[in-house]
C-alpha atoms as a PDB file:
ATOM      1  CA  MET A   1     -17.942 -82.139  -1.030  1.00  0.00           C
ATOM      2  CA  SER A   2     -19.735 -80.907   2.059  1.00  0.00           C
ATOM      3  CA  ASN A   3     -21.048 -77.403   1.330  1.00  0.00           C
ATOM      4  CA  GLU A   4     -21.348 -76.606   5.049  1.00  0.00           C
ATOM      5  CA  ASN A   5     -17.666 -76.021   5.871  1.00  0.00           C
ATOM      6  CA  PRO A   6     -15.421 -76.864   2.926  1.00  0.00           C
ATOM      7  CA  ILE A   7     -11.699 -76.677   3.660  1.00  0.00           C
ATOM      8  CA  GLY A   8      -9.476 -74.869   1.198  1.00  0.00           C
ATOM      9  CA  LEU A   9      -6.147 -76.242   0.030  1.00  0.00           C
ATOM     10  CA  THR A  10      -4.191 -73.427   1.713  1.00  0.00           C
ATOM     11  CA  GLU A  11      -5.984 -74.010   5.022  1.00  0.00           C
ATOM     12  CA  LEU A  12      -5.253 -77.750   4.853  1.00  0.00           C
ATOM     13  CA  ILE A  13      -1.542 -77.149   4.198  1.00  0.00           C
ATOM     14  CA  GLN A  14      -1.381 -74.710   7.143  1.00  0.00           C
ATOM     15  CA  LYS A  15      -3.036 -77.306   9.416  1.00  0.00           C
ATOM     16  CA  VAL A  16      -0.588 -80.025   8.295  1.00  0.00           C
ATOM     17  CA  LYS A  17       2.392 -77.724   8.959  1.00  0.00           C
ATOM     18  CA  LYS A  18       1.010 -76.804  12.393  1.00  0.00           C
ATOM     19  CA  GLU A  19       0.511 -80.484  13.306  1.00  0.00           C
ATOM     20  CA  LEU A  20       4.051 -81.373  12.219  1.00  0.00           C
ATOM     21  CA  LEU A  21       5.545 -78.500  14.209  1.00  0.00           C
ATOM     22  CA  ALA A  22       3.478 -79.411  17.272  1.00  0.00           C
ATOM     23  CA  ALA A  23       4.974 -82.914  17.179  1.00  0.00           C
ATOM     24  CA  ALA A  24       8.453 -81.391  17.569  1.00  0.00           C
ATOM     25  CA  ILE A  25       7.783 -80.009  21.053  1.00  0.00           C
ATOM     26  CA  THR A  26       8.595 -82.439  23.838  1.00  0.00           C
ATOM     27  CA  THR A  27       6.478 -83.112  26.901  1.00  0.00           C
ATOM     28  CA  SER A  28       8.170 -80.281  28.799  1.00  0.00           C
ATOM     29  CA  HIS A  29       5.961 -77.831  26.850  1.00  0.00           C
ATOM     30  CA  ASN A  30       8.818 -75.366  27.028  1.00  0.00           C
ATOM     31  CA  LEU A  31      10.382 -74.801  23.625  1.00  0.00           C
ATOM     32  CA  GLU A  32      13.440 -73.095  25.137  1.00  0.00           C
ATOM     33  CA  GLU A  33      14.271 -76.146  27.273  1.00  0.00           C
ATOM     34  CA  SER A  34      13.108 -78.893  24.926  1.00  0.00           C
ATOM     35  CA  ILE A  35      15.489 -80.926  22.807  1.00  0.00           C
ATOM     36  CA  PRO A  36      14.177 -81.246  19.234  1.00  0.00           C
ATOM     37  CA  LEU A  37      14.009 -84.838  18.039  1.00  0.00           C
ATOM     38  CA  PHE A  38      11.762 -84.433  15.054  1.00  0.00           C
ATOM     39  CA  SER A  39      12.886 -83.899  11.500  1.00  0.00           C
ATOM     40  CA  VAL A  40      10.897 -84.178   8.294  1.00  0.00           C
ATOM     41  CA  ASP A  41      12.584 -84.304   4.904  1.00  0.00           C
ATOM     42  CA  SER A  42       9.295 -83.942   3.038  1.00  0.00           C
ATOM     43  CA  VAL A  43       5.591 -84.610   3.333  1.00  0.00           C
ATOM     44  CA  GLU A  44       3.605 -85.676   0.312  1.00  0.00           C
ATOM     45  CA  LEU A  45      -0.156 -85.172   0.254  1.00  0.00           C
ATOM     46  CA  GLU A  46      -2.299 -86.694  -2.462  1.00  0.00           C
ATOM     47  CA  LEU A  47      -5.703 -85.055  -2.435  1.00  0.00           C
ATOM     48  CA  GLN A  48      -8.927 -84.988  -4.369  1.00  0.00           C
ATOM     49  CA  VAL A  49     -10.070 -81.421  -4.877  1.00  0.00           C
ATOM     50  CA  THR A  50     -12.723 -79.419  -6.655  1.00  0.00           C
ATOM     51  CA  VAL A  51     -12.008 -76.092  -8.298  1.00  0.00           C
ATOM     52  CA  LYS A  52     -14.663 -73.375  -8.138  1.00  0.00           C
ATOM     53  CA  LYS A  53     -14.669 -69.947  -9.732  1.00  0.00           C
ATOM     54  CA  ASP A  54     -16.113 -67.271  -7.463  1.00  0.00           C
ATOM     55  CA  VAL A  55     -18.212 -64.279  -8.544  1.00  0.00           C
ATOM     56  CA  LYS A  56     -15.176 -61.973  -8.494  1.00  0.00           C
ATOM     57  CA  GLY A  57     -13.332 -64.146 -11.010  1.00  0.00           C
ATOM     58  CA  GLY A  58     -11.023 -65.768  -8.458  1.00  0.00           C
ATOM     59  CA  VAL A  59     -10.453 -69.489  -8.209  1.00  0.00           C
ATOM     60  CA  LYS A  60     -10.882 -71.517  -5.007  1.00  0.00           C
ATOM     61  CA  VAL A  61      -9.551 -75.033  -4.506  1.00  0.00           C
ATOM     62  CA  TYR A  62     -11.466 -77.143  -1.977  1.00  0.00           C
ATOM     63  CA  VAL A  63     -10.310 -80.470  -0.550  1.00  0.00           C
ATOM     64  CA  LEU A  64     -12.898 -83.250  -0.775  1.00  0.00           C
ATOM     65  CA  GLU A  65     -13.913 -85.279   2.215  1.00  0.00           C
ATOM     66  CA  ALA A  66     -13.666 -89.046   1.899  1.00  0.00           C
ATOM     67  CA  GLY A  67     -16.852 -90.057   0.137  1.00  0.00           C
ATOM     68  CA  GLY A  68     -17.622 -86.400  -0.701  1.00  0.00           C
ATOM     69  CA  GLY A  69     -20.646 -85.672  -2.844  1.00  0.00           C
ATOM     70  CA  ALA A  70     -18.966 -84.146  -5.914  1.00  0.00           C
ATOM     71  CA  SER A  71     -19.522 -85.697  -9.322  1.00  0.00           C
ATOM     72  CA  ARG A  72     -16.575 -87.464 -10.928  1.00  0.00           C
ATOM     73  CA  ASP A  73     -16.266 -84.716 -13.570  1.00  0.00           C
ATOM     74  CA  ASP A  74     -15.690 -82.047 -10.898  1.00  0.00           C
ATOM     75  CA  VAL A  75     -12.907 -83.914  -9.092  1.00  0.00           C
ATOM     76  CA  GLN A  76      -9.212 -83.254  -9.720  1.00  0.00           C
ATOM     77  CA  LYS A  77      -6.337 -85.169  -8.162  1.00  0.00           C
ATOM     78  CA  VAL A  78      -3.542 -82.985  -6.794  1.00  0.00           C
ATOM     79  CA  LYS A  79      -0.228 -84.052  -5.306  1.00  0.00           C
ATOM     80  CA  VAL A  80       1.446 -81.521  -2.997  1.00  0.00           C
ATOM     81  CA  THR A  81       4.936 -82.007  -1.577  1.00  0.00           C
ATOM     82  CA  LEU A  82       5.970 -79.916   1.424  1.00  0.00           C
ATOM     83  CA  SER A  83       9.713 -79.597   2.038  1.00  0.00           C
ATOM     84  CA  PRO A  84      11.664 -77.598   4.622  1.00  0.00           C
ATOM     85  CA  LEU A  85      13.603 -74.551   3.479  1.00  0.00           C
ATOM     86  CA  LEU A  86      16.744 -75.720   5.267  1.00  0.00           C
ATOM     87  CA  LYS A  87      18.347 -79.149   5.046  1.00  0.00           C
ATOM     88  CA  LYS A  88      18.749 -81.279   8.157  1.00  0.00           C
ATOM     89  CA  GLU A  89      22.510 -80.661   8.241  1.00  0.00           C
ATOM     90  CA  GLN A  90      21.943 -76.883   8.157  1.00  0.00           C
ATOM     91  CA  LEU A  91      19.458 -77.088  11.035  1.00  0.00           C
ATOM     92  CA  LEU A  92      21.891 -79.182  13.088  1.00  0.00           C
ATOM     93  CA  GLY A  93      24.642 -76.616  12.488  1.00  0.00           C
ATOM     94  CA  ILE A  94      22.365 -73.762  13.551  1.00  0.00           C
ATOM     95  CA  TYR A  95      21.312 -75.626  16.699  1.00  0.00           C
ATOM     96  CA  LYS A  96      24.934 -76.409  17.582  1.00  0.00           C
ATOM     97  CA  ASN A  97      25.907 -72.740  17.149  1.00  0.00           C
ATOM     98  CA  LEU A  98      22.946 -71.442  19.159  1.00  0.00           C
ATOM     99  CA  TYR A  99      23.193 -73.980  22.001  1.00  0.00           C
ATOM    100  CA  PRO A 100      26.774 -75.286  22.205  1.00  0.00           C
ATOM    101  CA  GLU A 101      26.312 -76.102  25.900  1.00  0.00           C
ATOM    102  CA  ARG A 102      23.396 -78.425  25.059  1.00  0.00           C
ATOM    103  CA  TRP A 103      24.928 -80.106  21.987  1.00  0.00           C
ATOM    104  CA  GLN A 104      26.120 -83.269  23.781  1.00  0.00           C
ATOM    105  CA  GLU A 105      22.750 -83.684  25.528  1.00  0.00           C
ATOM    106  CA  PHE A 106      20.989 -83.128  22.198  1.00  0.00           C
ATOM    107  CA  MET A 107      23.036 -85.825  20.458  1.00  0.00           C
ATOM    108  CA  LYS A 108      22.583 -88.297  23.343  1.00  0.00           C
ATOM    109  CA  THR A 109      18.814 -87.718  23.479  1.00  0.00           C
ATOM    110  CA  SER A 110      18.526 -87.979  19.676  1.00  0.00           C
ATOM    111  CA  VAL A 111      20.382 -91.299  19.552  1.00  0.00           C
ATOM    112  CA  GLU A 112      18.359 -92.678  22.471  1.00  0.00           C
ATOM    113  CA  GLY A 113      15.104 -91.614  20.798  1.00  0.00           C
ATOM    114  CA  LEU A 114      16.084 -93.286  17.540  1.00  0.00           C
ATOM    115  CA  THR A 115      17.247 -96.540  19.104  1.00  0.00           C
ATOM    116  CA  LYS A 116      14.648 -97.143  21.821  1.00  0.00           C
ATOM    117  CA  GLY A 117      11.559 -97.116  19.649  1.00  0.00           C
ATOM    118  CA  SER A 118       8.169 -95.645  20.440  1.00  0.00           C
ATOM    119  CA  GLU A 119       7.667 -97.236  23.883  1.00  0.00           C
ATOM    120  CA  GLU A 120       9.290 -94.288  25.647  1.00  0.00           C
ATOM    121  CA  PRO A 121       7.050 -91.330  26.566  1.00  0.00           C
ATOM    122  CA  GLY A 122       7.916 -88.221  24.583  1.00  0.00           C
ATOM    123  CA  PHE A 123       9.509 -90.112  21.709  1.00  0.00           C
END
């Protein structure tokens, strides 16, 4: 593990969540006008971590870099699964209730994004 700037498990999870949410915003950069096309059922992270006890008796969990310098005895493998609080169907219902005037456009854009592939900008 690099002792210069180790990343904690909580910080890593926050960064992953931020990256996933950033992917949901379309190229318009305007969340109010954008049509969400991104849905994640779950994200599974498998990490190698070290656990350190600090002087105050607390425990810190640090994520190892690839090829990090910790000895094999210090390394623990942790699997973390991130799941949304609401199911996809619930989110669709909320969106439809909040933006009934945009529902048809939302469905059309969603289907087009799923069927065209990744060649299209913004998809």
